[in-house]
Amino acid sequence: MGCRVRSASPVRYARRSASPHAIATLQAVNESLRKTAEHLSASNEKLHRLTPERVSPPRITTRMVSEPLTMSGPATTAHWYRPRMTRDDAVEFLRDKPPGTFIIRDSTTYPGAYGLAMKVPDRGEQKSPEELVRHFLIEPAPDGVKVRGSDIEPVFGSLNALVHQHSLQPLSLPHRLLLTEASVEPQSADKLLQSLAGVVPEYGKGVVFMVLYLGCHKIGMLTGPHAVKNGFDNLFSERQAKQIKTATVVMKVNGEGVTLTDHERRLFFRMHFPMKNFRFCDMDPGHRHWKYRDEVSGDIQAPSCFGIVCSSVINPLVNECHMFAEYEQPASLLTEEINKWSERAV
């Protein structure tokens, strides 16, 4: 799998007060943002004066930050923000760091944007340390900033919010961002549900999760818990005879249906199940766990399993059970959210 899969027990991130050094750094960040916005506005005006009318020059807008960036959750310091660090220096800094370690710096190529350099896992491809440092562009948007190049990336109100969310879920990134000064304490499932907006990001209409896709089995006309049990019975029976190939995928759920995106294309690129085909979603009635050895840490993982039953797009008279294991959020939370969206679509 592309990222470490944890057997997720509900957690929440405790707030910690920022140190004087962190506050000073935040003030510097806001001053940098203000100057960048002024520079960008002046550049756009100049570009419009110099560009012929038949050409529509690109306009990049950025929202001014009206109040200081605040450090919440695990982001207790802005040690990851190095505005003047060069691309080469970022590579040198990250080359011997663990996967997920990152640096954000001011982009020299795109004024107003930021460069995200991060160390990614070595998947046995015998790449050099420098090749294991990848670069991403964080571009300004009308309501904040976002990671460029993926339709699953939302707009965040600040760099801090972007970093915090990507430390919980990688979304389009190859690995979760590693925040080394996180303070974690237990949290009940009820509290986790109450803070859902901070754990599962809303995209206008819909929610997005990271899940482990285990496979699909045709189950005839079965539905309900028996259909999910039948699917997992077949899956675990097959596993005794052969290795099951899995993939970490992005699951987006909204009123239109369920969409799965496999960014690494291990099993597929994208699958969509219309909500009209949705039949049932619940945990594995057998309470089984998908045990495997994590590619990055080498630890044994055992996440809980759940299934989605829907009619086949090709043959509506045949139902399919698509099977998953939890990734970051607990499976019980995911099934509850999926069922909520199916009820809204009725």
Protein backbone atom coordinates (compact mmCIF):
# COMPACT_ATOMS: atom_id res chain seq x y z
CA MET A 1 0.00 0.00 0.00
CA GLY A 2 1.14 3.55 -0.69
CA CYS A 3 0.83 4.83 2.87
CA ARG A 4 0.91 3.36 6.32
CA VAL A 5 -2.46 1.85 7.28
CA ARG A 6 -3.25 2.04 10.95
CA SER A 7 -5.77 0.05 12.89
CA ALA A 8 -7.58 3.23 13.69
CA SER A 9 -8.81 3.80 17.20
CA PRO A 10 -10.65 7.10 17.59
CA VAL A 11 -8.27 9.85 18.60
CA ARG A 12 -8.30 13.59 18.87
CA TYR A 13 -5.50 16.05 18.87
CA ALA A 14 -5.02 18.04 22.07
CA ARG A 15 -4.51 21.73 21.78
CA ARG A 16 -1.22 23.14 22.97
CA SER A 17 -0.28 26.73 23.48
CA ALA A 18 2.18 28.12 20.98
CA SER A 19 5.64 29.13 22.19
CA PRO A 20 6.91 32.71 21.78
CA HIS A 21 9.06 31.46 18.91
CA ALA A 22 5.98 29.98 17.20
CA ILE A 23 4.03 33.23 17.62
CA ALA A 24 6.89 35.20 16.10
CA THR A 25 7.05 32.76 13.22
CA LEU A 26 3.30 33.09 12.63
CA GLN A 27 3.59 36.86 12.51
CA ALA A 28 6.34 36.52 9.94
CA VAL A 29 4.17 34.16 7.90
CA ASN A 30 1.26 36.62 7.87
CA GLU A 31 3.55 39.49 6.89
CA SER A 32 4.91 37.36 4.05
CA LEU A 33 1.36 36.55 2.90
CA ARG A 34 0.40 40.23 2.96
CA LYS A 35 3.42 41.27 0.88
CA THR A 36 2.86 38.38 -1.53
CA ALA A 37 -0.76 39.39 -2.09
CA GLU A 38 0.26 43.02 -2.76
CA HIS A 39 2.98 41.89 -5.17
CA LEU A 40 0.57 39.55 -6.95
CA SER A 41 -2.07 42.25 -7.33
CA ALA A 42 0.47 44.67 -8.84
CA SER A 43 1.76 41.97 -11.18
CA ASN A 44 -1.74 41.19 -12.42
CA GLU A 45 -2.45 44.87 -13.16
CA LYS A 46 0.80 45.19 -15.09
CA LEU A 47 0.07 41.99 -17.00
CA HIS A 48 -3.33 43.27 -18.08
CA ARG A 49 -1.82 46.49 -19.38
CA LEU A 50 0.83 44.69 -21.42
CA THR A 51 -1.24 41.79 -22.79
CA PRO A 52 -3.20 42.25 -26.07
CA GLU A 53 -6.98 42.20 -25.74
CA ARG A 54 -7.26 39.02 -27.79
CA VAL A 55 -5.33 37.13 -25.11
CA SER A 56 -6.87 36.41 -21.72
CA PRO A 57 -3.99 36.59 -19.24
CA PRO A 58 -4.12 34.21 -16.30
CA ARG A 59 -5.40 35.77 -13.13
CA ILE A 60 -4.45 34.29 -9.78
CA THR A 61 -6.33 35.60 -6.81
CA THR A 62 -5.53 35.10 -3.18
CA ARG A 63 -7.57 35.84 -0.08
CA MET A 64 -6.01 38.23 2.38
CA VAL A 65 -5.67 36.73 5.83
CA SER A 66 -7.63 39.06 8.10
CA GLU A 67 -6.39 37.46 11.30
CA PRO A 68 -3.19 35.67 12.28
CA LEU A 69 -2.79 32.03 11.34
CA THR A 70 -3.49 29.95 14.41
CA MET A 71 -1.73 26.76 15.42
CA SER A 72 -4.34 24.10 16.22
CA GLY A 73 -4.27 20.33 16.56
CA PRO A 74 -0.82 18.79 16.09
CA ALA A 75 0.68 21.80 14.34
CA THR A 76 2.16 23.38 17.45
CA THR A 77 5.00 25.16 15.65
CA ALA A 78 5.69 26.36 12.14
CA HIS A 79 9.02 24.55 11.96
CA TRP A 80 7.92 23.19 8.57
CA TYR A 81 7.66 26.65 6.98
CA ARG A 82 11.02 27.71 5.50
CA PRO A 83 10.14 30.58 3.12
CA ARG A 84 13.68 31.22 1.86
CA MET A 85 14.88 27.62 1.55
CA THR A 86 15.89 26.62 -1.98
CA ARG A 87 14.64 23.50 -3.73
CA ASP A 88 18.10 21.89 -3.54
CA ASP A 89 18.44 22.70 0.16
CA ALA A 90 15.02 21.14 0.80
CA VAL A 91 16.12 17.94 -0.94
CA GLU A 92 19.33 17.83 1.09
CA PHE A 93 17.41 18.41 4.32
CA LEU A 94 14.84 15.66 3.63
CA ARG A 95 17.01 12.99 1.99
CA ASP A 96 17.67 11.06 5.22
CA LYS A 97 14.38 11.84 6.99
CA PRO A 98 11.49 9.37 7.55
CA PRO A 99 8.58 9.25 5.04
CA GLY A 100 6.12 12.10 5.50
CA THR A 101 8.72 14.63 6.67
CA PHE A 102 8.18 17.83 4.72
CA ILE A 103 9.13 21.45 4.14
CA ILE A 104 6.97 24.26 2.76
CA ARG A 105 8.78 27.19 1.16
CA ASP A 106 7.89 30.20 -0.97
CA SER A 107 7.80 29.30 -4.65
CA THR A 108 10.33 31.21 -6.77
CA THR A 109 8.66 30.12 -10.03
CA TYR A 110 5.05 31.02 -9.15
CA PRO A 111 4.76 34.23 -7.09
CA GLY A 112 2.18 33.85 -4.35
CA ALA A 113 2.39 30.06 -4.38
CA TYR A 114 4.30 27.65 -2.16
CA GLY A 115 6.48 24.63 -2.79
CA LEU A 116 5.84 21.49 -0.76
CA ALA A 117 8.81 19.11 -0.61
CA MET A 118 8.23 15.79 1.15
CA LYS A 119 10.02 12.52 1.72
CA VAL A 120 8.07 9.57 0.28
CA PRO A 121 8.31 5.86 1.16
CA ASP A 122 10.80 3.63 -0.65
CA ARG A 123 8.71 0.94 -2.33
CA GLY A 124 11.64 -1.26 -3.23
CA GLU A 125 12.40 0.53 -6.50
CA GLN A 126 16.01 1.17 -5.42
CA LYS A 127 15.75 4.91 -5.91
CA SER A 128 18.41 7.28 -4.61
CA PRO A 129 17.65 9.36 -1.49
CA GLU A 130 17.22 12.44 -3.69
CA GLU A 131 14.61 10.66 -5.85
CA LEU A 132 12.58 9.89 -2.74
CA VAL A 133 11.95 13.61 -2.21
CA ARG A 134 8.95 14.75 -4.27
CA HIS A 135 7.73 18.27 -4.92
CA PHE A 136 4.19 19.64 -5.07
CA LEU A 137 2.79 23.11 -5.73
CA ILE A 138 0.45 24.75 -3.24
CA GLU A 139 -1.35 27.45 -5.19
CA PRO A 140 -3.45 30.39 -4.00
CA ALA A 141 -7.20 30.09 -4.52
CA PRO A 142 -10.08 32.58 -4.06
CA ASP A 143 -10.76 31.22 -0.56
CA GLY A 144 -7.28 30.20 0.54
CA VAL A 145 -4.75 27.67 -0.74
CA LYS A 146 -4.86 24.16 -2.24
CA VAL A 147 -2.54 21.45 -3.55
CA ARG A 148 -2.44 21.77 -7.32
CA GLY A 149 -3.23 18.98 -9.78
CA SER A 150 -5.98 16.89 -8.17
CA ASP A 151 -9.76 17.21 -8.19
CA ILE A 152 -10.01 15.65 -4.71
CA GLU A 153 -8.06 18.47 -3.07
CA PRO A 154 -10.25 21.08 -1.32
CA VAL A 155 -9.41 24.73 -0.69
CA PHE A 156 -8.07 25.39 2.82
CA GLY A 157 -8.28 28.76 4.55
CA SER A 158 -4.59 28.72 5.50
CA LEU A 159 -1.36 26.78 5.11
CA ASN A 160 -1.80 25.60 8.67
CA ALA A 161 -5.22 24.11 7.91
CA LEU A 162 -3.85 22.42 4.79
CA VAL A 163 -0.97 20.87 6.72
CA HIS A 164 -3.20 19.74 9.57
CA GLN A 165 -5.67 17.94 7.27
CA HIS A 166 -2.92 16.27 5.24
CA SER A 167 -1.39 15.02 8.48
CA LEU A 168 -4.67 13.14 9.02
CA GLN A 169 -5.24 12.04 5.42
CA PRO A 170 -2.82 12.09 2.48
CA LEU A 171 -5.62 12.84 -0.03
CA SER A 172 -3.67 13.30 -3.31
CA LEU A 173 -0.24 13.15 -1.65
CA PRO A 174 1.71 9.85 -1.62
CA HIS A 175 1.94 9.86 2.19
CA ARG A 176 0.50 11.65 5.21
CA LEU A 177 2.47 14.70 6.30
CA LEU A 178 4.46 13.90 9.41
CA LEU A 179 4.06 16.35 12.28
CA THR A 180 6.65 15.41 14.85
CA GLU A 181 5.21 17.44 17.73
CA ALA A 182 1.71 15.98 17.84
CA SER A 183 0.01 15.51 21.17
CA VAL A 184 -2.58 12.74 21.06
CA GLU A 185 -5.08 11.55 23.61
CA PRO A 186 -8.05 9.13 23.41
CA GLN A 187 -11.47 10.27 22.27
CA SER A 188 -14.82 8.53 22.34
CA ALA A 189 -16.67 7.60 19.16
CA ASP A 190 -19.40 10.13 20.01
CA LYS A 191 -16.84 12.93 20.28
CA LEU A 192 -15.29 11.82 17.01
CA LEU A 193 -18.66 12.00 15.27
CA GLN A 194 -19.23 15.48 16.69
CA SER A 195 -15.92 16.64 15.22
CA LEU A 196 -16.54 14.96 11.86
CA ALA A 197 -16.01 18.16 9.87
CA GLY A 198 -12.40 18.24 11.03
CA VAL A 199 -11.75 14.57 10.36
CA VAL A 200 -13.60 13.88 7.11
CA PRO A 201 -13.43 17.00 4.90
CA GLU A 202 -16.61 18.17 3.24
CA TYR A 203 -16.39 19.03 -0.45
CA GLY A 204 -19.43 21.24 -0.95
CA LYS A 205 -21.75 18.24 -1.28
CA GLY A 206 -20.27 15.02 -0.05
CA VAL A 207 -17.57 13.51 2.13
CA VAL A 208 -14.24 11.91 1.30
CA PHE A 209 -12.42 9.07 3.02
CA MET A 210 -9.22 7.10 2.51
CA VAL A 211 -9.93 3.36 2.61
CA LEU A 212 -8.23 0.07 1.78
CA TYR A 213 -9.98 -1.60 -1.16
CA LEU A 214 -9.99 -5.39 -0.79
CA GLY A 215 -12.00 -6.51 -3.80
CA CYS A 216 -15.47 -7.32 -5.15
CA HIS A 217 -17.65 -10.44 -5.27
CA LYS A 218 -20.87 -11.04 -7.17
CA ILE A 219 -23.52 -12.24 -4.71
CA GLY A 220 -26.60 -12.85 -6.86
CA MET A 221 -29.71 -11.20 -5.44
CA LEU A 222 -28.49 -11.18 -1.84
CA THR A 223 -28.62 -7.91 0.09
CA GLY A 224 -28.36 -6.76 3.70
CA PRO A 225 -25.94 -8.23 6.28
CA HIS A 226 -26.06 -11.66 4.61
CA ALA A 227 -24.69 -10.12 1.41
CA VAL A 228 -21.77 -8.50 3.24
CA LYS A 229 -21.04 -11.73 5.13
CA ASN A 230 -21.15 -13.74 1.90
CA GLY A 231 -18.71 -11.37 0.24
CA PHE A 232 -16.18 -11.55 3.08
CA ASP A 233 -16.62 -15.33 3.39
CA ASN A 234 -15.54 -15.63 -0.24
CA LEU A 235 -12.71 -13.12 0.19
CA PHE A 236 -11.14 -14.81 3.22
CA SER A 237 -11.59 -18.22 1.61
CA GLU A 238 -9.71 -17.01 -1.47
CA ARG A 239 -6.98 -15.55 0.73
CA GLN A 240 -6.13 -19.00 2.03
CA ALA A 241 -5.32 -20.11 -1.53
CA LYS A 242 -3.70 -17.01 -3.03
CA GLN A 243 -2.41 -13.54 -2.27
CA ILE A 244 -5.06 -10.83 -2.49
CA LYS A 245 -3.91 -7.62 -4.13
CA THR A 246 -5.25 -4.52 -2.37
CA ALA A 247 -5.00 -0.76 -2.87
CA THR A 248 -5.38 2.40 -0.80
CA VAL A 249 -8.08 4.44 -2.54
CA VAL A 250 -10.01 7.69 -2.13
CA MET A 251 -13.73 7.17 -1.57
CA LYS A 252 -16.00 10.12 -2.30
CA VAL A 253 -19.66 9.85 -1.28
CA ASN A 254 -22.39 12.32 -2.23
CA GLY A 255 -25.96 12.39 -3.50
CA GLU A 256 -24.88 11.07 -6.89
CA GLY A 257 -23.22 7.93 -5.57
CA VAL A 258 -19.90 6.46 -4.48
CA THR A 259 -16.71 7.13 -6.44
CA LEU A 260 -13.44 5.27 -5.85
CA THR A 261 -10.13 6.65 -7.14
CA ASP A 262 -6.96 4.55 -7.09
CA HIS A 263 -4.25 7.18 -7.57
CA GLU A 264 -1.48 4.59 -7.77
CA ARG A 265 -3.55 2.56 -10.28
CA ARG A 266 -2.74 -0.68 -8.53
CA LEU A 267 -6.16 -2.19 -9.30
CA PHE A 268 -8.01 0.42 -11.36
CA PHE A 269 -8.13 4.16 -11.90
CA ARG A 270 -11.71 5.13 -11.03
CA MET A 271 -14.99 3.35 -10.31
CA HIS A 272 -18.41 4.93 -9.77
CA PHE A 273 -21.52 3.38 -8.27
CA PRO A 274 -24.68 5.51 -8.80
CA MET A 275 -26.75 6.01 -5.67
CA LYS A 276 -29.74 4.44 -7.45
CA ASN A 277 -27.74 1.17 -7.46
CA PHE A 278 -26.94 1.37 -3.73
CA ARG A 279 -28.45 -1.44 -1.65
CA PHE A 280 -26.69 -1.73 1.71
CA CYS A 281 -23.58 -0.79 3.70
CA ASP A 282 -22.38 -2.16 7.03
CA MET A 283 -19.52 -3.71 8.98
CA ASP A 284 -18.55 -7.32 8.36
CA PRO A 285 -21.02 -9.34 10.50
CA GLY A 286 -18.18 -11.77 11.20
CA HIS A 287 -16.16 -8.97 12.88
CA ARG A 288 -13.07 -10.00 10.92
CA HIS A 289 -9.93 -7.92 10.53
CA TRP A 290 -7.69 -7.66 7.49
CA LYS A 291 -4.25 -8.61 8.83
CA TYR A 292 -1.15 -7.79 6.82
CA ARG A 293 2.39 -6.45 7.19
CA ASP A 294 2.78 -2.73 6.49
CA GLU A 295 5.18 -2.03 3.62
CA VAL A 296 6.74 1.01 5.29
CA SER A 297 6.96 0.16 9.00
CA GLY A 298 6.99 -3.63 8.80
CA ASP A 299 4.36 -3.72 11.57
CA ILE A 300 1.40 -6.10 11.50
CA GLN A 301 -1.85 -4.17 10.89
CA ALA A 302 -5.39 -5.42 11.50
CA PRO A 303 -8.02 -2.84 10.44
CA SER A 304 -11.75 -3.60 10.67
CA CYS A 305 -13.69 -4.46 7.52
CA PHE A 306 -16.92 -3.19 5.96
CA GLY A 307 -18.80 -3.76 2.73
CA ILE A 308 -20.98 -1.87 0.26
CA VAL A 309 -23.67 -3.81 -1.61
CA CYS A 310 -24.90 -2.36 -4.90
CA SER A 311 -26.48 -3.68 -8.07
CA SER A 312 -24.13 -4.21 -11.00
CA VAL A 313 -23.98 -1.36 -13.50
CA ILE A 314 -23.84 -3.95 -16.28
CA ASN A 315 -26.58 -6.25 -14.96
CA PRO A 316 -28.99 -4.63 -12.45
CA LEU A 317 -30.34 -8.09 -11.52
CA VAL A 318 -27.00 -9.07 -9.99
CA ASN A 319 -25.69 -7.53 -6.78
CA GLU A 320 -22.03 -6.96 -5.96
CA CYS A 321 -20.33 -6.65 -2.59
CA HIS A 322 -17.36 -4.26 -2.63
CA MET A 323 -15.18 -4.86 0.41
CA PHE A 324 -12.97 -2.44 2.32
CA ALA A 325 -10.84 -2.07 5.43
CA GLU A 326 -10.66 1.14 7.44
CA TYR A 327 -7.68 3.42 6.86
CA GLU A 328 -7.68 6.57 9.02
CA GLN A 329 -11.25 6.78 10.32
CA PRO A 330 -12.96 3.84 12.07
CA ALA A 331 -15.12 1.68 9.79
CA SER A 332 -18.20 2.27 11.97
CA LEU A 333 -17.92 6.01 11.31
CA LEU A 334 -17.56 5.49 7.56
CA THR A 335 -20.55 3.18 7.25
CA GLU A 336 -22.71 5.62 9.20
CA GLU A 337 -21.78 8.49 6.89
CA ILE A 338 -22.31 6.39 3.75
CA ASN A 339 -25.77 5.32 4.95
CA LYS A 340 -26.68 8.92 5.75
CA TRP A 341 -25.97 9.92 2.15
CA SER A 342 -27.95 6.99 0.79
CA GLU A 343 -30.94 8.02 2.92
CA ARG A 344 -30.72 11.61 1.66
CA ALA A 345 -30.76 10.39 -1.93
CA VAL A 346 -34.04 8.48 -1.47
